[in-house]
């Protein structure tokens, strides 16, 4: 049985990987783990929100197909949108400029077939 500190240790490792000094590869690893970890509680979501490199999320959402990319651009965009949606589940974070600043880019990701 996993201890209660294990998820907290994973979150701490992810926060370390999200630091502005970290490589894009390190940030990407953290982003792959975060959706699962952010389902724990609102305080954890707020903690991660404070450490998030929103410029990196923005870059992921603006990714276009590239022959040198290991993952399809839709996968990268989906990861970024999933992280942002975790933040949007916390009412207190909805009014933050980091969320508002992502709206124009998020709107470009909408597919015409899904818009009413």
PDB file of N, CA and C in Angstrom:
ATOM      1  N   UNK A   1       0.838  -1.174   0.000  1.00  0.00           N
ATOM      2  CA  UNK A   1       0.000   0.000   0.000  1.00  0.00           C
ATOM      3  C   UNK A   1       0.889   1.245   0.000  1.00  0.00           C
ATOM      4  N   UNK A   2       0.565   2.213  -0.833  1.00  0.00           N
ATOM      5  CA  UNK A   2       1.369   3.429  -0.954  1.00  0.00           C
ATOM      6  C   UNK A   2       1.143   4.327   0.251  1.00  0.00           C
ATOM      7  N   UNK A   3       2.203   4.966   0.673  1.00  0.00           N
ATOM      8  CA  UNK A   3       2.079   5.881   1.801  1.00  0.00           C
ATOM      9  C   UNK A   3       1.466   7.189   1.336  1.00  0.00           C
ATOM     10  N   UNK A   4       0.980   7.976   2.302  1.00  0.00           N
ATOM     11  CA  UNK A   4       0.360   9.254   1.966  1.00  0.00           C
ATOM     12  C   UNK A   4       1.386  10.260   1.476  1.00  0.00           C
ATOM     13  N   UNK A   5       2.650  10.073   1.831  1.00  0.00           N
ATOM     14  CA  UNK A   5       3.673  11.017   1.395  1.00  0.00           C
ATOM     15  C   UNK A   5       4.120  10.762  -0.040  1.00  0.00           C
ATOM     16  N   UNK A   6       3.819   9.585  -0.570  1.00  0.00           N
ATOM     17  CA  UNK A   6       4.237   9.272  -1.932  1.00  0.00           C
ATOM     18  C   UNK A   6       3.658  10.247  -2.963  1.00  0.00           C
ATOM     19  N   UNK A   7       2.334  10.512  -2.956  1.00  0.00           N
ATOM     20  CA  UNK A   7       1.816  11.503  -3.915  1.00  0.00           C
ATOM     21  C   UNK A   7       2.437  12.887  -3.704  1.00  0.00           C
ATOM     22  N   UNK A   8       2.661  13.262  -2.456  1.00  0.00           N
ATOM     23  CA  UNK A   8       3.272  14.565  -2.191  1.00  0.00           C
ATOM     24  C   UNK A   8       4.694  14.611  -2.732  1.00  0.00           C
ATOM     25  N   UNK A   9       5.420  13.504  -2.622  1.00  0.00           N
ATOM     26  CA  UNK A   9       6.772  13.441  -3.179  1.00  0.00           C
ATOM     27  C   UNK A   9       6.743  13.577  -4.698  1.00  0.00           C
ATOM     28  N   UNK A  10       5.756  12.950  -5.339  1.00  0.00           N
ATOM     29  CA  UNK A  10       5.622  13.064  -6.791  1.00  0.00           C
ATOM     30  C   UNK A  10       5.322  14.507  -7.190  1.00  0.00           C
ATOM     31  N   UNK A  11       4.472  15.155  -6.432  1.00  0.00           N
ATOM     32  CA  UNK A  11       4.142  16.554  -6.717  1.00  0.00           C
ATOM     33  C   UNK A  11       5.375  17.427  -6.552  1.00  0.00           C
ATOM     34  N   UNK A  12       6.135  17.190  -5.500  1.00  0.00           N
ATOM     35  CA  UNK A  12       7.363  17.955  -5.274  1.00  0.00           C
ATOM     36  C   UNK A  12       8.337  17.760  -6.430  1.00  0.00           C
ATOM     37  N   UNK A  13       8.483  16.526  -6.906  1.00  0.00           N
ATOM     38  CA  UNK A  13       9.366  16.263  -8.055  1.00  0.00           C
ATOM     39  C   UNK A  13       8.862  16.988  -9.300  1.00  0.00           C
ATOM     40  N   UNK A  14       7.548  16.963  -9.508  1.00  0.00           N
ATOM     41  CA  UNK A  14       6.979  17.661 -10.670  1.00  0.00           C
ATOM     42  C   UNK A  14       7.230  19.162 -10.576  1.00  0.00           C
ATOM     43  N   UNK A  15       7.058  19.719  -9.390  1.00  0.00           N
ATOM     44  CA  UNK A  15       7.285  21.155  -9.219  1.00  0.00           C
ATOM     45  C   UNK A  15       8.742  21.508  -9.506  1.00  0.00           C
ATOM     46  N   UNK A  16       9.657  20.649  -9.088  1.00  0.00           N
ATOM     47  CA  UNK A  16      11.073  20.871  -9.395  1.00  0.00           C
ATOM     48  C   UNK A  16      11.312  20.856 -10.904  1.00  0.00           C
ATOM     49  N   UNK A  17      10.649  19.926 -11.584  1.00  0.00           N
ATOM     50  CA  UNK A  17      10.812  19.814 -13.036  1.00  0.00           C
ATOM     51  C   UNK A  17      10.180  20.986 -13.786  1.00  0.00           C
ATOM     52  N   UNK A  18       9.216  21.647 -13.166  1.00  0.00           N
ATOM     53  CA  UNK A  18       8.530  22.768 -13.815  1.00  0.00           C
ATOM     54  C   UNK A  18       9.244  24.103 -13.639  1.00  0.00           C
ATOM     55  N   UNK A  19      10.320  24.122 -12.909  1.00  0.00           N
ATOM     56  CA  UNK A  19      10.998  25.395 -12.664  1.00  0.00           C
ATOM     57  C   UNK A  19      11.462  26.001 -13.989  1.00  0.00           C
ATOM     58  N   UNK A  20      11.502  27.328 -14.063  1.00  0.00           N
ATOM     59  CA  UNK A  20      11.923  27.987 -15.312  1.00  0.00           C
ATOM     60  C   UNK A  20      13.307  27.555 -15.789  1.00  0.00           C
ATOM     61  N   UNK A  21      14.150  27.117 -14.876  1.00  0.00           N
ATOM     62  CA  UNK A  21      15.501  26.698 -15.247  1.00  0.00           C
ATOM     63  C   UNK A  21      15.531  25.305 -15.869  1.00  0.00           C
ATOM     64  N   UNK A  22      14.449  24.551 -15.728  1.00  0.00           N
ATOM     65  CA  UNK A  22      14.409  23.181 -16.244  1.00  0.00           C
ATOM     66  C   UNK A  22      14.334  23.171 -17.764  1.00  0.00           C
ATOM     67  N   UNK A  23      14.823  22.096 -18.333  1.00  0.00           N
ATOM     68  CA  UNK A  23      14.750  21.932 -19.789  1.00  0.00           C
ATOM     69  C   UNK A  23      13.304  21.669 -20.199  1.00  0.00           C
ATOM     70  N   UNK A  24      13.026  21.869 -21.473  1.00  0.00           N
ATOM     71  CA  UNK A  24      11.693  21.568 -21.986  1.00  0.00           C
ATOM     72  C   UNK A  24      11.355  20.097 -21.781  1.00  0.00           C
ATOM     73  N   UNK A  25      12.336  19.225 -21.941  1.00  0.00           N
ATOM     74  CA  UNK A  25      12.100  17.795 -21.738  1.00  0.00           C
ATOM     75  C   UNK A  25      11.664  17.508 -20.302  1.00  0.00           C
ATOM     76  N   UNK A  26      12.315  18.145 -19.339  1.00  0.00           N
ATOM     77  CA  UNK A  26      11.955  17.948 -17.933  1.00  0.00           C
ATOM     78  C   UNK A  26      10.544  18.465 -17.668  1.00  0.00           C
ATOM     79  N   UNK A  27      10.224  19.622 -18.227  1.00  0.00           N
ATOM     80  CA  UNK A  27       8.880  20.183 -18.050  1.00  0.00           C
ATOM     81  C   UNK A  27       7.836  19.264 -18.673  1.00  0.00           C
ATOM     82  N   UNK A  28       8.164  18.699 -19.807  1.00  0.00           N
ATOM     83  CA  UNK A  28       7.232  17.812 -20.484  1.00  0.00           C
ATOM     84  C   UNK A  28       6.943  16.576 -19.633  1.00  0.00           C
ATOM     85  N   UNK A  29       7.969  16.019 -19.020  1.00  0.00           N
ATOM     86  CA  UNK A  29       7.783  14.861 -18.135  1.00  0.00           C
ATOM     87  C   UNK A  29       6.829  15.232 -17.000  1.00  0.00           C
ATOM     88  N   UNK A  30       7.039  16.392 -16.409  1.00  0.00           N
ATOM     89  CA  UNK A  30       6.161  16.837 -15.322  1.00  0.00           C
ATOM     90  C   UNK A  30       4.727  16.997 -15.805  1.00  0.00           C
ATOM     91  N   UNK A  31       4.556  17.562 -16.984  1.00  0.00           N
ATOM     92  CA  UNK A  31       3.208  17.772 -17.511  1.00  0.00           C
ATOM     93  C   UNK A  31       2.491  16.456 -17.800  1.00  0.00           C
ATOM     94  N   UNK A  32       3.233  15.438 -18.148  1.00  0.00           N
ATOM     95  CA  UNK A  32       2.620  14.133 -18.398  1.00  0.00           C
ATOM     96  C   UNK A  32       2.072  13.528 -17.096  1.00  0.00           C
ATOM     97  N   UNK A  33       2.713  13.835 -15.986  1.00  0.00           N
ATOM     98  CA  UNK A  33       2.298  13.283 -14.695  1.00  0.00           C
ATOM     99  C   UNK A  33       1.215  14.116 -14.006  1.00  0.00           C
ATOM    100  N   UNK A  34       1.184  15.394 -14.288  1.00  0.00           N
ATOM    101  CA  UNK A  34       0.327  16.301 -13.533  1.00  0.00           C
ATOM    102  C   UNK A  34      -1.171  16.017 -13.573  1.00  0.00           C
ATOM    103  N   UNK A  35      -1.780  15.712 -14.705  1.00  0.00           N
ATOM    104  CA  UNK A  35      -3.237  15.518 -14.662  1.00  0.00           C
ATOM    105  C   UNK A  35      -3.676  14.498 -13.610  1.00  0.00           C
ATOM    106  N   UNK A  36      -2.933  13.428 -13.469  1.00  0.00           N
ATOM    107  CA  UNK A  36      -3.261  12.416 -12.455  1.00  0.00           C
ATOM    108  C   UNK A  36      -3.060  12.980 -11.046  1.00  0.00           C
ATOM    109  N   UNK A  37      -1.989  13.718 -10.851  1.00  0.00           N
ATOM    110  CA  UNK A  37      -1.681  14.255  -9.527  1.00  0.00           C
ATOM    111  C   UNK A  37      -2.618  15.390  -9.123  1.00  0.00           C
ATOM    112  N   UNK A  38      -3.115  16.126 -10.098  1.00  0.00           N
ATOM    113  CA  UNK A  38      -3.960  17.280  -9.788  1.00  0.00           C
ATOM    114  C   UNK A  38      -5.379  16.891  -9.410  1.00  0.00           C
ATOM    115  N   UNK A  39      -5.691  15.639  -9.434  1.00  0.00           N
ATOM    116  CA  UNK A  39      -7.026  15.194  -9.042  1.00  0.00           C
ATOM    117  C   UNK A  39      -7.125  14.974  -7.537  1.00  0.00           C
ATOM    118  N   UNK A  40      -6.093  15.339  -6.801  1.00  0.00           N
ATOM    119  CA  UNK A  40      -6.077  15.070  -5.365  1.00  0.00           C
ATOM    120  C   UNK A  40      -6.892  16.082  -4.568  1.00  0.00           C
ATOM    121  N   UNK A  41      -6.539  17.346  -4.632  1.00  0.00           N
ATOM    122  CA  UNK A  41      -7.267  18.356  -3.873  1.00  0.00           C
ATOM    123  C   UNK A  41      -6.951  19.744  -4.415  1.00  0.00           C
ATOM    124  N   UNK A  42      -7.769  20.709  -4.023  1.00  0.00           N
ATOM    125  CA  UNK A  42      -7.616  22.066  -4.543  1.00  0.00           C
ATOM    126  C   UNK A  42      -6.316  22.721  -4.098  1.00  0.00           C
ATOM    127  N   UNK A  43      -5.849  22.415  -2.915  1.00  0.00           N
ATOM    128  CA  UNK A  43      -4.597  23.016  -2.445  1.00  0.00           C
ATOM    129  C   UNK A  43      -3.421  22.564  -3.307  1.00  0.00           C
ATOM    130  N   UNK A  44      -3.441  21.316  -3.726  1.00  0.00           N
ATOM    131  CA  UNK A  44      -2.393  20.814  -4.616  1.00  0.00           C
ATOM    132  C   UNK A  44      -2.457  21.530  -5.956  1.00  0.00           C
ATOM    133  N   UNK A  45      -3.662  21.711  -6.469  1.00  0.00           N
ATOM    134  CA  UNK A  45      -3.835  22.407  -7.747  1.00  0.00           C
ATOM    135  C   UNK A  45      -3.299  23.834  -7.635  1.00  0.00           C
ATOM    136  N   UNK A  46      -3.603  24.516  -6.539  1.00  0.00           N
ATOM    137  CA  UNK A  46      -3.113  25.887  -6.337  1.00  0.00           C
ATOM    138  C   UNK A  46      -1.587  25.918  -6.244  1.00  0.00           C
ATOM    139  N   UNK A  47      -1.025  24.946  -5.575  1.00  0.00           N
ATOM    140  CA  UNK A  47       0.432  24.863  -5.448  1.00  0.00           C
ATOM    141  C   UNK A  47       1.083  24.711  -6.818  1.00  0.00           C
ATOM    142  N   UNK A  48       0.550  23.821  -7.630  1.00  0.00           N
ATOM    143  CA  UNK A  48       1.094  23.599  -8.968  1.00  0.00           C
ATOM    144  C   UNK A  48       0.863  24.827  -9.847  1.00  0.00           C
ATOM    145  N   UNK A  49      -0.291  25.452  -9.713  1.00  0.00           N
ATOM    146  CA  UNK A  49      -0.586  26.663 -10.477  1.00  0.00           C
ATOM    147  C   UNK A  49       0.494  27.718 -10.223  1.00  0.00           C
ATOM    148  N   UNK A  50       0.872  27.885  -8.972  1.00  0.00           N
ATOM    149  CA  UNK A  50       1.890  28.872  -8.616  1.00  0.00           C
ATOM    150  C   UNK A  50       3.255  28.572  -9.205  1.00  0.00           C
ATOM    151  N   UNK A  51       3.521  27.308  -9.474  1.00  0.00           N
ATOM    152  CA  UNK A  51       4.827  26.909 -10.004  1.00  0.00           C
ATOM    153  C   UNK A  51       4.829  26.731 -11.519  1.00  0.00           C
ATOM    154  N   UNK A  52       3.657  26.808 -12.138  1.00  0.00           N
ATOM    155  CA  UNK A  52       3.540  26.493 -13.562  1.00  0.00           C
ATOM    156  C   UNK A  52       4.248  27.518 -14.443  1.00  0.00           C
ATOM    157  N   UNK A  53       4.913  27.018 -15.454  1.00  0.00           N
ATOM    158  CA  UNK A  53       5.517  27.858 -16.488  1.00  0.00           C
ATOM    159  C   UNK A  53       4.472  27.995 -17.601  1.00  0.00           C
ATOM    160  N   UNK A  54       3.663  29.041 -17.515  1.00  0.00           N
ATOM    161  CA  UNK A  54       2.573  29.217 -18.470  1.00  0.00           C
ATOM    162  C   UNK A  54       3.074  29.524 -19.877  1.00  0.00           C
ATOM    163  N   UNK A  55       4.269  30.059 -19.983  1.00  0.00           N
ATOM    164  CA  UNK A  55       4.855  30.281 -21.303  1.00  0.00           C
ATOM    165  C   UNK A  55       5.085  28.946 -22.002  1.00  0.00           C
ATOM    166  N   UNK A  56       5.514  27.955 -21.249  1.00  0.00           N
ATOM    167  CA  UNK A  56       5.717  26.622 -21.816  1.00  0.00           C
ATOM    168  C   UNK A  56       4.382  26.017 -22.255  1.00  0.00           C
ATOM    169  N   UNK A  57       3.337  26.160 -21.429  1.00  0.00           N
ATOM    170  CA  UNK A  57       2.013  25.669 -21.824  1.00  0.00           C
ATOM    171  C   UNK A  57       1.545  26.356 -23.104  1.00  0.00           C
ATOM    172  N   UNK A  58       1.780  27.646 -23.175  1.00  0.00           N
ATOM    173  CA  UNK A  58       1.396  28.406 -24.373  1.00  0.00           C
ATOM    174  C   UNK A  58       2.122  27.861 -25.602  1.00  0.00           C
ATOM    175  N   UNK A  59       3.403  27.594 -25.457  1.00  0.00           N
ATOM    176  CA  UNK A  59       4.176  27.039 -26.578  1.00  0.00           C
ATOM    177  C   UNK A  59       3.635  25.681 -27.007  1.00  0.00           C
ATOM    178  N   UNK A  60       3.241  24.856 -26.035  1.00  0.00           N
ATOM    179  CA  UNK A  60       2.671  23.555 -26.386  1.00  0.00           C
ATOM    180  C   UNK A  60       1.380  23.717 -27.179  1.00  0.00           C
ATOM    181  N   UNK A  61       0.559  24.670 -26.775  1.00  0.00           N
ATOM    182  CA  UNK A  61      -0.713  24.872 -27.479  1.00  0.00           C
ATOM    183  C   UNK A  61      -0.512  25.446 -28.874  1.00  0.00           C
ATOM    184  N   UNK A  62       0.605  26.099 -29.110  1.00  0.00           N
ATOM    185  CA  UNK A  62       0.886  26.695 -30.423  1.00  0.00           C
ATOM    186  C   UNK A  62       1.734  25.790 -31.316  1.00  0.00           C
ATOM    187  N   UNK A  63       2.041  24.607 -30.833  1.00  0.00           N
ATOM    188  CA  UNK A  63       2.873  23.669 -31.585  1.00  0.00           C
ATOM    189  C   UNK A  63       2.210  23.319 -32.909  1.00  0.00           C
ATOM    190  N   UNK A  64       3.033  23.257 -33.944  1.00  0.00           N
ATOM    191  CA  UNK A  64       2.522  22.797 -35.237  1.00  0.00           C
ATOM    192  C   UNK A  64       3.314  21.565 -35.646  1.00  0.00           C
ATOM    193  N   UNK A  65       2.763  20.805 -36.566  1.00  0.00           N
ATOM    194  CA  UNK A  65       3.430  19.574 -36.997  1.00  0.00           C
ATOM    195  C   UNK A  65       4.862  19.857 -37.409  1.00  0.00           C
ATOM    196  N   UNK A  66       5.743  19.057 -36.875  1.00  0.00           N
ATOM    197  CA  UNK A  66       7.157  19.197 -37.174  1.00  0.00           C
ATOM    198  C   UNK A  66       7.744  17.805 -37.349  1.00  0.00           C
ATOM    199  N   UNK A  67       8.571  17.655 -38.336  1.00  0.00           N
ATOM    200  CA  UNK A  67       9.138  16.334 -38.606  1.00  0.00           C
ATOM    201  C   UNK A  67      10.114  15.888 -37.519  1.00  0.00           C
ATOM    202  N   UNK A  68      10.662  16.836 -36.744  1.00  0.00           N
ATOM    203  CA  UNK A  68      11.622  16.455 -35.713  1.00  0.00           C
ATOM    204  C   UNK A  68      10.971  16.237 -34.347  1.00  0.00           C
ATOM    205  N   UNK A  69       9.666  16.390 -34.263  1.00  0.00           N
ATOM    206  CA  UNK A  69       8.965  16.198 -33.003  1.00  0.00           C
ATOM    207  C   UNK A  69       8.711  14.717 -32.753  1.00  0.00           C
ATOM    208  N   UNK A  70       8.892  14.308 -31.493  1.00  0.00           N
ATOM    209  CA  UNK A  70       8.661  12.915 -31.137  1.00  0.00           C
ATOM    210  C   UNK A  70       7.178  12.612 -30.965  1.00  0.00           C
ATOM    211  N   UNK A  71       6.390  13.625 -30.637  1.00  0.00           N
ATOM    212  CA  UNK A  71       4.961  13.436 -30.421  1.00  0.00           C
ATOM    213  C   UNK A  71       4.166  14.304 -31.381  1.00  0.00           C
ATOM    214  N   UNK A  72       2.994  13.834 -31.782  1.00  0.00           N
ATOM    215  CA  UNK A  72       2.149  14.655 -32.650  1.00  0.00           C
ATOM    216  C   UNK A  72       1.724  15.936 -31.934  1.00  0.00           C
ATOM    217  N   UNK A  73       1.538  16.992 -32.699  1.00  0.00           N
ATOM    218  CA  UNK A  73       1.176  18.267 -32.091  1.00  0.00           C
ATOM    219  C   UNK A  73      -0.149  18.181 -31.335  1.00  0.00           C
ATOM    220  N   UNK A  74      -1.078  17.350 -31.792  1.00  0.00           N
ATOM    221  CA  UNK A  74      -2.351  17.212 -31.071  1.00  0.00           C
ATOM    222  C   UNK A  74      -2.145  16.658 -29.666  1.00  0.00           C
ATOM    223  N   UNK A  75      -1.178  15.785 -29.504  1.00  0.00           N
ATOM    224  CA  UNK A  75      -0.878  15.233 -28.183  1.00  0.00           C
ATOM    225  C   UNK A  75      -0.349  16.327 -27.262  1.00  0.00           C
ATOM    226  N   UNK A  76       0.559  17.139 -27.769  1.00  0.00           N
ATOM    227  CA  UNK A  76       1.119  18.228 -26.965  1.00  0.00           C
ATOM    228  C   UNK A  76       0.037  19.235 -26.582  1.00  0.00           C
ATOM    229  N   UNK A  77      -0.824  19.550 -27.527  1.00  0.00           N
ATOM    230  CA  UNK A  77      -1.914  20.490 -27.254  1.00  0.00           C
ATOM    231  C   UNK A  77      -2.881  19.919 -26.226  1.00  0.00           C
ATOM    232  N   UNK A  78      -3.171  18.645 -26.345  1.00  0.00           N
ATOM    233  CA  UNK A  78      -4.087  17.994 -25.406  1.00  0.00           C
ATOM    234  C   UNK A  78      -3.535  18.024 -23.986  1.00  0.00           C
ATOM    235  N   UNK A  79      -2.254  17.782 -23.847  1.00  0.00           N
ATOM    236  CA  UNK A  79      -1.626  17.818 -22.520  1.00  0.00           C
ATOM    237  C   UNK A  79      -1.780  19.212 -21.916  1.00  0.00           C
ATOM    238  N   UNK A  80      -1.479  20.238 -22.693  1.00  0.00           N
ATOM    239  CA  UNK A  80      -1.584  21.610 -22.190  1.00  0.00           C
ATOM    240  C   UNK A  80      -3.021  21.952 -21.803  1.00  0.00           C
ATOM    241  N   UNK A  81      -3.969  21.586 -22.642  1.00  0.00           N
ATOM    242  CA  UNK A  81      -5.377  21.879 -22.352  1.00  0.00           C
ATOM    243  C   UNK A  81      -5.835  21.119 -21.107  1.00  0.00           C
ATOM    244  N   UNK A  82      -5.388  19.888 -20.939  1.00  0.00           N
ATOM    245  CA  UNK A  82      -5.758  19.123 -19.742  1.00  0.00           C
ATOM    246  C   UNK A  82      -5.244  19.784 -18.470  1.00  0.00           C
ATOM    247  N   UNK A  83      -4.034  20.291 -18.513  1.00  0.00           N
ATOM    248  CA  UNK A  83      -3.475  20.973 -17.341  1.00  0.00           C
ATOM    249  C   UNK A  83      -4.291  22.229 -17.041  1.00  0.00           C
ATOM    250  N   UNK A  84      -4.572  23.014 -18.061  1.00  0.00           N
ATOM    251  CA  UNK A  84      -5.350  24.240 -17.860  1.00  0.00           C
ATOM    252  C   UNK A  84      -6.746  23.905 -17.331  1.00  0.00           C
ATOM    253  N   UNK A  85      -7.337  22.838 -17.828  1.00  0.00           N
ATOM    254  CA  UNK A  85      -8.673  22.467 -17.346  1.00  0.00           C
ATOM    255  C   UNK A  85      -8.641  22.067 -15.872  1.00  0.00           C
ATOM    256  N   UNK A  86      -7.555  21.462 -15.426  1.00  0.00           N
ATOM    257  CA  UNK A  86      -7.415  21.154 -13.991  1.00  0.00           C
ATOM    258  C   UNK A  86      -7.417  22.441 -13.172  1.00  0.00           C
ATOM    259  N   UNK A  87      -6.727  23.459 -13.667  1.00  0.00           N
ATOM    260  CA  UNK A  87      -6.701  24.739 -12.961  1.00  0.00           C
ATOM    261  C   UNK A  87      -8.084  25.388 -12.952  1.00  0.00           C
ATOM    262  N   UNK A  88      -8.804  25.254 -14.045  1.00  0.00           N
ATOM    263  CA  UNK A  88     -10.126  25.882 -14.160  1.00  0.00           C
ATOM    264  C   UNK A  88     -11.166  25.219 -13.262  1.00  0.00           C
ATOM    265  N   UNK A  89     -10.865  24.061 -12.734  1.00  0.00           N
ATOM    266  CA  UNK A  89     -11.785  23.387 -11.821  1.00  0.00           C
ATOM    267  C   UNK A  89     -11.772  24.029 -10.431  1.00  0.00           C
ATOM    268  N   UNK A  90     -10.827  24.936 -10.204  1.00  0.00           N
ATOM    269  CA  UNK A  90     -10.731  25.635  -8.916  1.00  0.00           C
ATOM    270  C   UNK A  90     -11.215  27.066  -9.135  1.00  0.00           C
ATOM    271  N   UNK A  91     -12.370  27.379  -8.568  1.00  0.00           N
ATOM    272  CA  UNK A  91     -12.998  28.693  -8.779  1.00  0.00           C
ATOM    273  C   UNK A  91     -12.043  29.855  -8.537  1.00  0.00           C
ATOM    274  N   UNK A  92     -11.249  29.752  -7.515  1.00  0.00           N
ATOM    275  CA  UNK A  92     -10.320  30.822  -7.145  1.00  0.00           C
ATOM    276  C   UNK A  92      -9.308  31.133  -8.258  1.00  0.00           C
ATOM    277  N   UNK A  93      -8.993  30.149  -9.075  1.00  0.00           N
ATOM    278  CA  UNK A  93      -7.993  30.337 -10.129  1.00  0.00           C
ATOM    279  C   UNK A  93      -8.584  30.880 -11.426  1.00  0.00           C
ATOM    280  N   UNK A  94      -9.894  30.802 -11.567  1.00  0.00           N
ATOM    281  CA  UNK A  94     -10.532  31.242 -12.808  1.00  0.00           C
ATOM    282  C   UNK A  94     -10.319  32.720 -13.110  1.00  0.00           C
ATOM    283  N   UNK A  95     -10.144  33.521 -12.091  1.00  0.00           N
ATOM    284  CA  UNK A  95      -9.979  34.962 -12.303  1.00  0.00           C
ATOM    285  C   UNK A  95      -8.519  35.376 -12.476  1.00  0.00           C
ATOM    286  N   UNK A  96      -7.620  34.437 -12.458  1.00  0.00           N
ATOM    287  CA  UNK A  96      -6.190  34.749 -12.573  1.00  0.00           C
ATOM    288  C   UNK A  96      -5.826  35.108 -14.010  1.00  0.00           C
ATOM    289  N   UNK A  97      -4.920  36.065 -14.144  1.00  0.00           N
ATOM    290  CA  UNK A  97      -4.506  36.516 -15.479  1.00  0.00           C
ATOM    291  C   UNK A  97      -3.845  35.404 -16.282  1.00  0.00           C
ATOM    292  N   UNK A  98      -3.190  34.459 -15.600  1.00  0.00           N
ATOM    293  CA  UNK A  98      -2.543  33.357 -16.312  1.00  0.00           C
ATOM    294  C   UNK A  98      -3.573  32.521 -17.080  1.00  0.00           C
ATOM    295  N   UNK A  99      -4.769  32.401 -16.534  1.00  0.00           N
ATOM    296  CA  UNK A  99      -5.845  31.678 -17.219  1.00  0.00           C
ATOM    297  C   UNK A  99      -6.416  32.546 -18.331  1.00  0.00           C
ATOM    298  N   UNK A 100      -6.712  33.797 -18.013  1.00  0.00           N
ATOM    299  CA  UNK A 100      -7.297  34.707 -19.010  1.00  0.00           C
ATOM    300  C   UNK A 100      -6.383  34.872 -20.222  1.00  0.00           C
ATOM    301  N   UNK A 101      -5.093  34.905 -19.989  1.00  0.00           N
ATOM    302  CA  UNK A 101      -4.141  35.092 -21.089  1.00  0.00           C
ATOM    303  C   UNK A 101      -4.110  33.894 -22.033  1.00  0.00           C
ATOM    304  N   UNK A 102      -4.584  32.740 -21.593  1.00  0.00           N
ATOM    305  CA  UNK A 102      -4.583  31.539 -22.437  1.00  0.00           C
ATOM    306  C   UNK A 102      -5.835  31.446 -23.312  1.00  0.00           C
ATOM    307  N   UNK A 103      -6.859  32.225 -23.024  1.00  0.00           N
ATOM    308  CA  UNK A 103      -8.133  32.108 -23.746  1.00  0.00           C
ATOM    309  C   UNK A 103      -7.976  32.298 -25.258  1.00  0.00           C
ATOM    310  N   UNK A 104      -7.254  33.306 -25.737  1.00  0.00           N
ATOM    311  CA  UNK A 104      -7.123  33.434 -27.197  1.00  0.00           C
ATOM    312  C   UNK A 104      -6.502  32.196 -27.855  1.00  0.00           C
ATOM    313  N   UNK A 105      -5.482  31.650 -27.239  1.00  0.00           N
ATOM    314  CA  UNK A 105      -4.851  30.459 -27.813  1.00  0.00           C
ATOM    315  C   UNK A 105      -5.778  29.257 -27.710  1.00  0.00           C
ATOM    316  N   UNK A 106      -6.447  29.113 -26.580  1.00  0.00           N
ATOM    317  CA  UNK A 106      -7.406  28.012 -26.440  1.00  0.00           C
ATOM    318  C   UNK A 106      -8.489  28.092 -27.506  1.00  0.00           C
ATOM    319  N   UNK A 107      -8.932  29.299 -27.812  1.00  0.00           N
ATOM    320  CA  UNK A 107      -9.999  29.442 -28.807  1.00  0.00           C
ATOM    321  C   UNK A 107      -9.535  29.022 -30.202  1.00  0.00           C
ATOM    322  N   UNK A 108      -8.249  29.139 -30.479  1.00  0.00           N
ATOM    323  CA  UNK A 108      -7.753  28.706 -31.790  1.00  0.00           C
ATOM    324  C   UNK A 108      -7.724  27.189 -31.915  1.00  0.00           C
ATOM    325  N   UNK A 109      -7.789  26.502 -30.788  1.00  0.00           N
ATOM    326  CA  UNK A 109      -7.749  25.043 -30.807  1.00  0.00           C
ATOM    327  C   UNK A 109      -9.118  24.423 -31.046  1.00  0.00           C
ATOM    328  N   UNK A 110     -10.154  25.246 -30.990  1.00  0.00           N
ATOM    329  CA  UNK A 110     -11.499  24.730 -31.229  1.00  0.00           C
ATOM    330  C   UNK A 110     -11.647  24.336 -32.685  1.00  0.00           C
ATOM    331  N   UNK A 111     -12.162  23.178 -32.885  1.00  0.00           N
ATOM    332  CA  UNK A 111     -12.391  22.693 -34.237  1.00  0.00           C
ATOM    333  C   UNK A 111     -13.758  23.179 -34.706  1.00  0.00           C
ATOM    334  N   UNK A 112     -13.868  23.664 -35.938  1.00  0.00           N
ATOM    335  CA  UNK A 112     -15.155  24.186 -36.423  1.00  0.00           C
ATOM    336  C   UNK A 112     -16.305  23.185 -36.306  1.00  0.00           C
ATOM    337  N   UNK A 113     -16.023  21.911 -36.410  1.00  0.00           N
ATOM    338  CA  UNK A 113     -17.114  20.941 -36.336  1.00  0.00           C
ATOM    339  C   UNK A 113     -17.704  20.814 -34.936  1.00  0.00           C
ATOM    340  N   UNK A 114     -17.007  21.354 -33.916  1.00  0.00           N
ATOM    341  CA  UNK A 114     -17.518  21.281 -32.552  1.00  0.00           C
ATOM    342  C   UNK A 114     -18.113  22.595 -32.076  1.00  0.00           C
ATOM    343  N   UNK A 115     -17.988  23.631 -32.844  1.00  0.00           N
ATOM    344  CA  UNK A 115     -18.508  24.936 -32.454  1.00  0.00           C
ATOM    345  C   UNK A 115     -19.970  25.030 -32.870  1.00  0.00           C
ATOM    346  N   UNK A 116     -20.802  25.468 -31.939  1.00  0.00           N
ATOM    347  CA  UNK A 116     -22.241  25.591 -32.226  1.00  0.00           C
ATOM    348  C   UNK A 116     -22.528  26.944 -32.824  1.00  0.00           C
TER     349      UNK A 116
END
